[in-house]
C-alpha atoms as a PDB file:
ATOM      1  CA  MET A   1     -81.787  44.767 -66.593  1.00  0.00           C
ATOM      2  CA  ASP A   2     -79.924  44.216 -63.313  1.00  0.00           C
ATOM      3  CA  LEU A   3     -80.226  46.520 -60.296  1.00  0.00           C
ATOM      4  CA  VAL A   4     -76.903  48.326 -60.825  1.00  0.00           C
ATOM      5  CA  SER A   5     -77.603  49.240 -64.445  1.00  0.00           C
ATOM      6  CA  CYS A   6     -81.124  50.326 -63.477  1.00  0.00           C
ATOM      7  CA  ILE A   7     -79.752  52.681 -60.812  1.00  0.00           C
ATOM      8  CA  LEU A   8     -77.093  54.041 -63.164  1.00  0.00           C
ATOM      9  CA  SER A   9     -79.714  54.596 -65.845  1.00  0.00           C
ATOM     10  CA  ALA A  10     -81.956  56.468 -63.388  1.00  0.00           C
ATOM     11  CA  TYR A  11     -78.962  58.514 -62.206  1.00  0.00           C
ATOM     12  CA  GLY A  12     -78.198  59.547 -65.787  1.00  0.00           C
ATOM     13  CA  GLN A  13     -81.810  60.582 -66.311  1.00  0.00           C
ATOM     14  CA  ILE A  14     -81.788  62.669 -63.131  1.00  0.00           C
ATOM     15  CA  ARG A  15     -78.653  64.505 -64.264  1.00  0.00           C
ATOM     16  CA  ARG A  16     -80.208  65.257 -67.666  1.00  0.00           C
ATOM     17  CA  ARG A  17     -83.647  66.278 -66.339  1.00  0.00           C
ATOM     18  CA  VAL A  18     -82.531  69.125 -64.092  1.00  0.00           C
ATOM     19  CA  PRO A  19     -83.849  72.197 -65.913  1.00  0.00           C
ATOM     20  CA  PRO A  20     -81.881  75.408 -65.533  1.00  0.00           C
ATOM     21  CA  VAL A  21     -83.173  78.070 -63.178  1.00  0.00           C
ATOM     22  CA  ASP A  22     -83.516  81.490 -64.776  1.00  0.00           C
ATOM     23  CA  ALA A  23     -80.818  83.386 -62.847  1.00  0.00           C
ATOM     24  CA  GLY A  24     -81.354  86.518 -64.907  1.00  0.00           C
ATOM     25  CA  THR A  25     -84.822  87.201 -63.534  1.00  0.00           C
ATOM     26  CA  GLN A  26     -85.477  90.916 -63.543  1.00  0.00           C
ATOM     27  CA  LYS A  27     -86.627  92.604 -60.359  1.00  0.00           C
ATOM     28  CA  GLY A  28     -87.294  96.213 -61.209  1.00  0.00           C
ATOM     29  CA  ASN A  29     -84.349  97.434 -63.259  1.00  0.00           C
ATOM     30  CA  GLU A  30     -81.675  95.242 -61.718  1.00  0.00           C
ATOM     31  CA  THR A  31     -80.883  91.547 -62.033  1.00  0.00           C
ATOM     32  CA  MET A  32     -81.382  89.408 -58.913  1.00  0.00           C
ATOM     33  CA  LYS A  33     -77.968  88.603 -57.540  1.00  0.00           C
ATOM     34  CA  HIS A  34     -78.775  86.844 -54.252  1.00  0.00           C
ATOM     35  CA  MET A  35     -79.329  83.119 -54.225  1.00  0.00           C
ATOM     36  CA  GLY A  36     -82.722  81.936 -53.000  1.00  0.00           C
ATOM     37  CA  GLN A  37     -83.904  78.823 -51.180  1.00  0.00           C
ATOM     38  CA  ASP A  38     -84.918  77.075 -54.434  1.00  0.00           C
ATOM     39  CA  GLU A  39     -81.426  77.480 -55.921  1.00  0.00           C
ATOM     40  CA  ARG A  40     -79.825  76.231 -52.705  1.00  0.00           C
ATOM     41  CA  ASN A  41     -82.131  73.185 -52.723  1.00  0.00           C
ATOM     42  CA  ARG A  42     -81.052  72.434 -56.290  1.00  0.00           C
ATOM     43  CA  ILE A  43     -77.376  72.750 -55.354  1.00  0.00           C
ATOM     44  CA  GLU A  44     -77.831  70.289 -52.476  1.00  0.00           C
ATOM     45  CA  PHE A  45     -79.731  67.855 -54.724  1.00  0.00           C
ATOM     46  CA  MET A  46     -77.189  68.037 -57.536  1.00  0.00           C
ATOM     47  CA  LEU A  47     -74.256  67.572 -55.131  1.00  0.00           C
ATOM     48  CA  GLY A  48     -75.976  64.456 -53.792  1.00  0.00           C
ATOM     49  CA  CYS A  49     -76.265  63.158 -57.364  1.00  0.00           C
ATOM     50  CA  GLY A  50     -72.512  63.558 -57.834  1.00  0.00           C
ATOM     51  CA  ASN A  51     -72.531  66.610 -60.089  1.00  0.00           C
ATOM     52  CA  ASN A  52     -69.470  68.831 -60.099  1.00  0.00           C
ATOM     53  CA  VAL A  53     -69.406  72.613 -59.667  1.00  0.00           C
ATOM     54  CA  ALA A  54     -69.346  73.253 -63.426  1.00  0.00           C
ATOM     55  CA  ASP A  55     -72.489  71.158 -63.999  1.00  0.00           C
ATOM     56  CA  ILE A  56     -74.306  72.892 -61.141  1.00  0.00           C
ATOM     57  CA  ALA A  57     -73.292  76.344 -62.365  1.00  0.00           C
ATOM     58  CA  LYS A  58     -74.495  75.564 -65.873  1.00  0.00           C
ATOM     59  CA  ALA A  59     -77.838  74.199 -64.634  1.00  0.00           C
ATOM     60  CA  LEU A  60     -78.448  77.246 -62.428  1.00  0.00           C
ATOM     61  CA  GLY A  61     -77.184  79.801 -64.929  1.00  0.00           C
ATOM     62  CA  ARG A  62     -74.578  81.090 -62.474  1.00  0.00           C
ATOM     63  CA  SER A  63     -70.810  81.318 -62.663  1.00  0.00           C
ATOM     64  CA  GLU A  64     -68.655  78.521 -61.265  1.00  0.00           C
ATOM     65  CA  SER A  65     -67.004  80.930 -58.830  1.00  0.00           C
ATOM     66  CA  THR A  66     -70.411  81.866 -57.394  1.00  0.00           C
ATOM     67  CA  ILE A  67     -71.245  78.210 -56.737  1.00  0.00           C
ATOM     68  CA  SER A  68     -67.762  77.571 -55.272  1.00  0.00           C
ATOM     69  CA  ARG A  69     -68.062  80.550 -52.918  1.00  0.00           C
ATOM     70  CA  GLU A  70     -71.538  79.425 -51.871  1.00  0.00           C
ATOM     71  CA  LEU A  71     -70.211  75.955 -51.030  1.00  0.00           C
ATOM     72  CA  LEU A  72     -67.163  77.276 -49.169  1.00  0.00           C
ATOM     73  CA  ASN A  73     -69.042  79.908 -47.177  1.00  0.00           C
ATOM     74  CA  ARG A  74     -72.149  77.913 -46.298  1.00  0.00           C
ATOM     75  CA  ARG A  75     -70.864  74.372 -45.637  1.00  0.00           C
ATOM     76  CA  ILE A  76     -71.584  72.853 -42.234  1.00  0.00           C
ATOM     77  CA  ASP A  77     -69.125  70.826 -40.127  1.00  0.00           C
ATOM     78  CA  SER A  78     -70.086  67.347 -38.944  1.00  0.00           C
ATOM     79  CA  ASP A  79     -68.530  64.730 -36.650  1.00  0.00           C
ATOM     80  CA  LYS A  80     -70.459  61.859 -38.264  1.00  0.00           C
ATOM     81  CA  HIS A  81     -68.328  58.670 -37.929  1.00  0.00           C
ATOM     82  CA  TYR A  82     -65.373  60.812 -36.817  1.00  0.00           C
ATOM     83  CA  GLY A  83     -62.594  58.792 -35.201  1.00  0.00           C
ATOM     84  CA  CYS A  84     -64.221  55.395 -35.789  1.00  0.00           C
ATOM     85  CA  SER A  85     -60.956  54.081 -37.239  1.00  0.00           C
ATOM     86  CA  ASN A  86     -57.220  54.603 -36.851  1.00  0.00           C
ATOM     87  CA  ARG A  87     -57.202  55.675 -40.501  1.00  0.00           C
ATOM     88  CA  LEU A  88     -57.754  59.136 -39.065  1.00  0.00           C
ATOM     89  CA  CYS A  89     -53.985  59.389 -38.624  1.00  0.00           C
ATOM     90  CA  ALA A  90     -52.134  60.806 -41.632  1.00  0.00           C
ATOM     91  CA  ARG A  91     -49.258  58.392 -40.905  1.00  0.00           C
ATOM     92  CA  PHE A  92     -51.443  55.265 -40.808  1.00  0.00           C
ATOM     93  CA  ASP A  93     -50.048  53.591 -43.939  1.00  0.00           C
ATOM     94  CA  ASP A  94     -46.378  54.013 -42.967  1.00  0.00           C
ATOM     95  CA  CYS A  95     -46.814  53.537 -39.201  1.00  0.00           C
ATOM     96  CA  GLU A  96     -44.090  51.406 -37.587  1.00  0.00           C
ATOM     97  CA  ARG A  97     -45.230  51.703 -33.966  1.00  0.00           C
ATOM     98  CA  THR A  98     -45.483  48.464 -32.018  1.00  0.00           C
ATOM     99  CA  ALA A  99     -46.835  47.544 -28.600  1.00  0.00           C
ATOM    100  CA  PHE A 100     -46.386  44.473 -26.409  1.00  0.00           C
ATOM    101  CA  ASN A 101     -49.738  42.701 -25.959  1.00  0.00           C
ATOM    102  CA  GLY A 102     -48.538  40.208 -23.346  1.00  0.00           C
ATOM    103  CA  PHE A 103     -47.260  37.625 -25.816  1.00  0.00           C
ATOM    104  CA  ARG A 104     -45.438  39.504 -28.569  1.00  0.00           C
ATOM    105  CA  ASP A 105     -44.981  42.889 -30.198  1.00  0.00           C
ATOM    106  CA  VAL A 106     -47.869  43.785 -32.484  1.00  0.00           C
ATOM    107  CA  ARG A 107     -48.359  46.685 -34.832  1.00  0.00           C
ATOM    108  CA  ARG A 108     -49.848  49.503 -32.834  1.00  0.00           C
ATOM    109  CA  ARG A 109     -51.701  51.070 -35.745  1.00  0.00           C
ATOM    110  CA  ASN A 110     -54.298  48.311 -35.629  1.00  0.00           C
ATOM    111  CA  SER A 111     -55.146  48.783 -31.955  1.00  0.00           C
ATOM    112  CA  PRO A 112     -58.142  50.969 -31.068  1.00  0.00           C
ATOM    113  CA  GLY A 113     -57.300  54.596 -30.343  1.00  0.00           C
ATOM    114  CA  CYS A 114     -53.650  54.331 -31.347  1.00  0.00           C
ATOM    115  CA  PHE A 115     -53.696  57.884 -32.667  1.00  0.00           C
ATOM    116  CA  GLU A 116     -54.895  59.263 -29.311  1.00  0.00           C
ATOM    117  CA  SER A 117     -51.660  58.288 -27.547  1.00  0.00           C
ATOM    118  CA  ARG A 118     -49.279  59.335 -30.300  1.00  0.00           C
ATOM    119  CA  PRO A 119     -47.462  62.607 -29.499  1.00  0.00           C
ATOM    120  CA  ASP A 120     -46.701  63.339 -33.152  1.00  0.00           C
ATOM    121  CA  PHE A 121     -50.262  62.611 -34.320  1.00  0.00           C
ATOM    122  CA  ARG A 122     -51.277  64.497 -37.459  1.00  0.00           C
ATOM    123  CA  GLU A 123     -54.898  64.289 -38.539  1.00  0.00           C
ATOM    124  CA  ALA A 124     -55.583  63.199 -42.105  1.00  0.00           C
ATOM    125  CA  VAL A 125     -57.612  65.633 -44.188  1.00  0.00           C
ATOM    126  CA  CYS A 126     -59.754  64.561 -47.105  1.00  0.00           C
ATOM    127  CA  VAL A 127     -58.616  66.031 -50.432  1.00  0.00           C
ATOM    128  CA  ARG A 128     -62.258  66.481 -51.424  1.00  0.00           C
ATOM    129  CA  LEU A 129     -62.596  69.226 -48.783  1.00  0.00           C
ATOM    130  CA  ASN A 130     -59.605  71.156 -50.132  1.00  0.00           C
ATOM    131  CA  ARG A 131     -60.839  71.426 -53.718  1.00  0.00           C
ATOM    132  CA  ALA A 132     -64.210  71.681 -55.445  1.00  0.00           C
ATOM    133  CA  PRO A 133     -66.852  70.721 -54.399  1.00  0.00           C
ATOM    134  CA  TYR A 134     -65.451  71.292 -50.866  1.00  0.00           C
ATOM    135  CA  VAL A 135     -68.157  69.097 -49.266  1.00  0.00           C
ATOM    136  CA  CYS A 136     -68.892  65.427 -48.613  1.00  0.00           C
ATOM    137  CA  ASN A 137     -72.317  65.456 -50.332  1.00  0.00           C
ATOM    138  CA  GLY A 138     -72.314  62.754 -53.006  1.00  0.00           C
ATOM    139  CA  CYS A 139     -69.025  61.156 -51.947  1.00  0.00           C
ATOM    140  CA  GLU A 140     -69.071  57.389 -52.394  1.00  0.00           C
ATOM    141  CA  ARG A 141     -66.770  56.881 -49.366  1.00  0.00           C
ATOM    142  CA  GLU A 142     -68.807  59.057 -46.990  1.00  0.00           C
ATOM    143  CA  HIS A 143     -70.315  56.155 -45.014  1.00  0.00           C
ATOM    144  CA  ASN A 144     -66.933  54.546 -44.235  1.00  0.00           C
ATOM    145  CA  CYS A 145     -64.827  57.669 -43.844  1.00  0.00           C
ATOM    146  CA  PRO A 146     -63.388  58.306 -40.342  1.00  0.00           C
ATOM    147  CA  MET A 147     -62.361  61.913 -41.113  1.00  0.00           C
ATOM    148  CA  ARG A 148     -64.186  65.123 -40.281  1.00  0.00           C
ATOM    149  CA  LYS A 149     -66.929  65.890 -42.735  1.00  0.00           C
ATOM    150  CA  ARG A 150     -68.497  69.006 -44.177  1.00  0.00           C
ATOM    151  CA  TYR A 151     -71.898  69.100 -45.826  1.00  0.00           C
ATOM    152  CA  TYR A 152     -73.874  71.587 -47.851  1.00  0.00           C
ATOM    153  CA  ILE A 153     -77.425  71.637 -46.485  1.00  0.00           C
ATOM    154  CA  ALA A 154     -79.766  74.055 -48.235  1.00  0.00           C
ATOM    155  CA  SER A 155     -81.877  74.970 -45.194  1.00  0.00           C
ATOM    156  CA  GLY A 156     -78.752  75.611 -43.114  1.00  0.00           C
ATOM    157  CA  ALA A 157     -77.209  77.663 -45.913  1.00  0.00           C
ATOM    158  CA  GLN A 158     -80.353  79.798 -46.176  1.00  0.00           C
ATOM    159  CA  ALA A 159     -80.418  80.351 -42.401  1.00  0.00           C
ATOM    160  CA  ASN A 160     -76.712  81.266 -42.480  1.00  0.00           C
ATOM    161  CA  TYR A 161     -77.411  83.765 -45.285  1.00  0.00           C
ATOM    162  CA  ARG A 162     -80.285  85.360 -43.346  1.00  0.00           C
ATOM    163  CA  GLU A 163     -78.160  85.692 -40.194  1.00  0.00           C
ATOM    164  CA  ALA A 164     -75.338  87.290 -42.172  1.00  0.00           C
ATOM    165  CA  LYS A 165     -77.775  89.669 -43.857  1.00  0.00           C
ATOM    166  CA  ILE A 166     -79.273  90.722 -40.498  1.00  0.00           C
ATOM    167  CA  GLY A 167     -75.754  91.150 -39.078  1.00  0.00           C
ATOM    168  CA  ARG A 168     -74.756  93.450 -41.944  1.00  0.00           C
ATOM    169  CA  ALA A 169     -77.954  95.498 -41.524  1.00  0.00           C
ATOM    170  CA  SER A 170     -77.375  95.986 -37.788  1.00  0.00           C
ATOM    171  CA  CYS A 171     -73.760  97.068 -38.446  1.00  0.00           C
ATOM    172  CA  ARG A 172     -74.986  99.737 -40.867  1.00  0.00           C
ATOM    173  CA  GLU A 173     -77.472 101.036 -38.289  1.00  0.00           C
ATOM    174  CA  ARG A 174     -74.711 101.486 -35.682  1.00  0.00           C
ATOM    175  CA  VAL A 175     -72.539 103.542 -38.049  1.00  0.00           C
END
Protein backbone atom coordinates (compact mmCIF):
# COMPACT_ATOMS: atom_id res chain seq x y z
CA MET A 1 0.00 0.00 0.00
CA ASP A 2 1.52 3.35 -1.00
CA LEU A 3 1.59 6.40 1.27
CA VAL A 4 -1.30 8.24 -0.42
CA SER A 5 -3.71 5.32 -0.20
CA CYS A 6 -2.65 4.73 3.41
CA ILE A 7 -3.45 8.35 4.32
CA LEU A 8 -6.76 8.25 2.46
CA SER A 9 -7.67 5.00 4.20
CA ALA A 10 -6.85 6.51 7.61
CA TYR A 11 -8.85 9.63 6.72
CA GLY A 12 -11.88 7.50 5.87
CA GLN A 13 -11.58 5.66 9.17
CA ILE A 14 -11.37 8.93 11.10
CA ARG A 15 -14.55 10.20 9.44
CA ARG A 16 -16.40 6.98 10.28
CA ARG A 17 -15.13 6.70 13.88
CA VAL A 18 -16.42 10.02 15.17
CA PRO A 19 -19.21 8.97 17.54
CA PRO A 20 -22.12 11.35 17.93
CA VAL A 21 -22.31 13.52 21.03
CA ASP A 22 -25.60 13.25 22.89
CA ALA A 23 -26.96 16.77 22.32
CA GLY A 24 -30.23 15.94 24.05
CA THR A 25 -28.66 15.56 27.49
CA GLN A 26 -31.18 16.51 30.13
CA LYS A 27 -30.23 19.07 32.75
CA GLY A 28 -33.13 19.31 35.15
CA ASN A 29 -36.29 19.54 33.06
CA GLU A 30 -34.82 21.33 30.07
CA THR A 31 -32.55 20.20 27.25
CA MET A 32 -29.05 21.71 27.15
CA LYS A 33 -28.98 24.21 24.33
CA HIS A 34 -25.55 25.84 24.73
CA MET A 35 -22.56 24.30 23.03
CA GLY A 36 -19.72 23.20 25.30
CA GLN A 37 -15.96 23.00 24.86
CA ASP A 38 -16.08 19.30 23.89
CA GLU A 39 -18.52 19.97 21.03
CA ARG A 40 -16.42 22.90 19.82
CA ASN A 41 -13.29 20.70 19.87
CA ARG A 42 -15.12 18.12 17.75
CA ILE A 43 -16.22 20.79 15.27
CA GLU A 44 -12.63 22.02 14.89
CA PHE A 45 -11.35 18.45 14.45
CA MET A 46 -14.00 17.52 11.90
CA LEU A 47 -13.44 20.72 9.91
CA GLY A 48 -9.73 19.87 9.78
CA CYS A 49 -10.64 16.43 8.42
CA GLY A 50 -12.61 18.04 5.59
CA ASN A 51 -16.12 17.28 6.83
CA ASN A 52 -18.93 19.55 5.71
CA VAL A 53 -21.52 21.23 7.93
CA ALA A 54 -24.10 18.47 7.37
CA ASP A 55 -21.67 15.75 8.49
CA ILE A 56 -20.69 17.73 11.58
CA ALA A 57 -24.31 18.44 12.49
CA LYS A 58 -25.22 14.78 12.15
CA ALA A 59 -22.26 13.65 14.28
CA LEU A 60 -23.07 16.16 17.03
CA GLY A 61 -26.83 15.66 16.92
CA ARG A 62 -27.41 19.35 16.19
CA SER A 63 -29.11 21.14 13.33
CA GLU A 64 -27.07 22.36 10.36
CA SER A 65 -28.14 25.94 11.03
CA THR A 66 -26.75 25.73 14.57
CA ILE A 67 -23.36 24.59 13.28
CA SER A 68 -23.39 27.26 10.53
CA ARG A 69 -24.19 30.02 13.03
CA GLU A 70 -21.46 28.75 15.36
CA LEU A 71 -18.92 28.88 12.52
CA LEU A 72 -20.02 32.33 11.33
CA ASN A 73 -20.17 33.90 14.78
CA ARG A 74 -17.02 32.38 16.28
CA ARG A 75 -14.52 32.32 13.39
CA ILE A 76 -11.23 34.17 13.89
CA ASP A 77 -9.49 36.36 11.29
CA SER A 78 -5.89 35.64 10.32
CA ASP A 79 -3.27 37.33 8.14
CA LYS A 80 -1.30 34.11 7.62
CA HIS A 81 0.45 34.33 4.20
CA TYR A 82 -1.64 37.41 3.37
CA GLY A 83 -0.30 39.37 0.42
CA CYS A 84 2.51 36.93 -0.40
CA SER A 85 1.45 36.93 -4.05
CA ASN A 86 -0.14 39.26 -6.59
CA ARG A 87 -2.96 36.72 -6.85
CA LEU A 88 -4.53 38.79 -4.09
CA CYS A 89 -5.89 41.09 -6.79
CA ALA A 90 -9.31 40.08 -8.14
CA ARG A 91 -8.20 41.25 -11.61
CA PHE A 92 -5.00 39.17 -11.67
CA ASP A 93 -6.02 36.78 -14.46
CA ASP A 94 -7.18 39.51 -16.87
CA CYS A 95 -4.58 42.14 -15.91
CA GLU A 96 -3.13 44.04 -18.89
CA ARG A 97 -0.92 46.48 -16.97
CA THR A 98 2.66 46.79 -18.18
CA ALA A 99 5.74 48.54 -16.84
CA PHE A 100 9.06 49.46 -18.44
CA ASN A 101 11.90 47.55 -16.73
CA GLY A 102 14.74 49.37 -18.48
CA PHE A 103 14.81 47.14 -21.55
CA ARG A 104 11.20 46.49 -22.55
CA ASP A 105 7.61 46.57 -21.35
CA VAL A 106 6.78 43.63 -19.11
CA ARG A 107 3.51 42.52 -17.61
CA ARG A 108 3.09 44.35 -14.35
CA ARG A 109 1.01 41.65 -12.69
CA ASN A 110 4.11 39.51 -12.21
CA SER A 111 6.11 42.19 -10.41
CA PRO A 112 6.11 42.18 -6.59
CA GLY A 113 3.50 44.42 -5.00
CA CYS A 114 1.76 45.33 -8.25
CA PHE A 115 -1.59 45.47 -6.48
CA GLU A 116 -0.30 48.04 -3.96
CA SER A 117 0.17 50.70 -6.64
CA ARG A 118 -3.03 50.04 -8.55
CA PRO A 119 -5.70 52.70 -7.91
CA ASP A 120 -8.55 50.41 -8.94
CA PHE A 121 -7.31 47.47 -6.85
CA ARG A 122 -10.06 45.11 -5.71
CA GLU A 123 -9.14 42.39 -3.24
CA ALA A 124 -10.04 38.83 -4.17
CA VAL A 125 -12.24 37.00 -1.67
CA CYS A 126 -12.24 33.25 -1.30
CA VAL A 127 -15.61 31.66 -2.13
CA ARG A 128 -15.11 29.22 0.75
CA LEU A 129 -15.56 32.11 3.21
CA ASN A 130 -18.87 33.17 1.66
CA ARG A 131 -20.59 29.79 1.94
CA ALA A 132 -20.46 26.84 4.32
CA PRO A 133 -18.17 26.04 6.08
CA TYR A 134 -17.17 29.75 6.15
CA VAL A 135 -13.63 28.94 7.38
CA CYS A 136 -10.27 27.84 6.00
CA ASN A 137 -9.94 24.79 8.30
CA GLY A 138 -9.42 21.72 6.12
CA CYS A 139 -8.89 23.64 2.87
CA GLU A 140 -6.32 21.96 0.63
CA ARG A 141 -5.14 25.34 -0.75
CA GLU A 142 -4.67 26.98 2.66
CA HIS A 143 -0.85 26.82 2.64
CA ASN A 144 -0.51 28.55 -0.75
CA CYS A 145 -3.41 30.98 -0.52
CA PRO A 146 -2.48 34.71 -0.45
CA MET A 147 -5.98 35.84 0.63
CA ARG A 148 -7.21 36.71 4.11
CA LYS A 149 -8.10 33.66 6.12
CA ARG A 150 -10.62 32.81 8.80
CA TYR A 151 -10.31 29.85 11.13
CA TYR A 152 -12.53 28.11 13.63
CA ILE A 153 -10.47 27.47 16.76
CA ALA A 154 -12.35 25.75 19.57
CA SER A 155 -10.55 27.46 22.47
CA GLY A 156 -11.06 30.88 20.88
CA ALA A 157 -14.71 30.11 20.19
CA GLN A 158 -15.25 29.09 23.82
CA ALA A 159 -13.55 32.26 25.08
CA ASN A 160 -15.68 34.34 22.68
CA TYR A 161 -18.82 32.61 24.00
CA ARG A 162 -17.84 33.30 27.63
CA GLU A 163 -17.15 36.98 26.90
CA ALA A 164 -20.50 37.34 25.14
CA LYS A 165 -22.27 35.61 28.02
CA ILE A 166 -20.63 37.92 30.59
CA GLY A 167 -21.49 40.93 28.41
CA ARG A 168 -25.16 39.93 28.28
CA ALA A 169 -25.24 39.39 32.06
CA SER A 170 -23.76 42.83 32.77
CA CYS A 171 -26.29 44.46 30.40
CA ARG A 172 -29.15 42.84 32.32
CA GLU A 173 -27.75 44.12 35.63
CA ARG A 174 -27.68 47.72 34.34
CA VAL A 175 -31.34 47.61 33.26
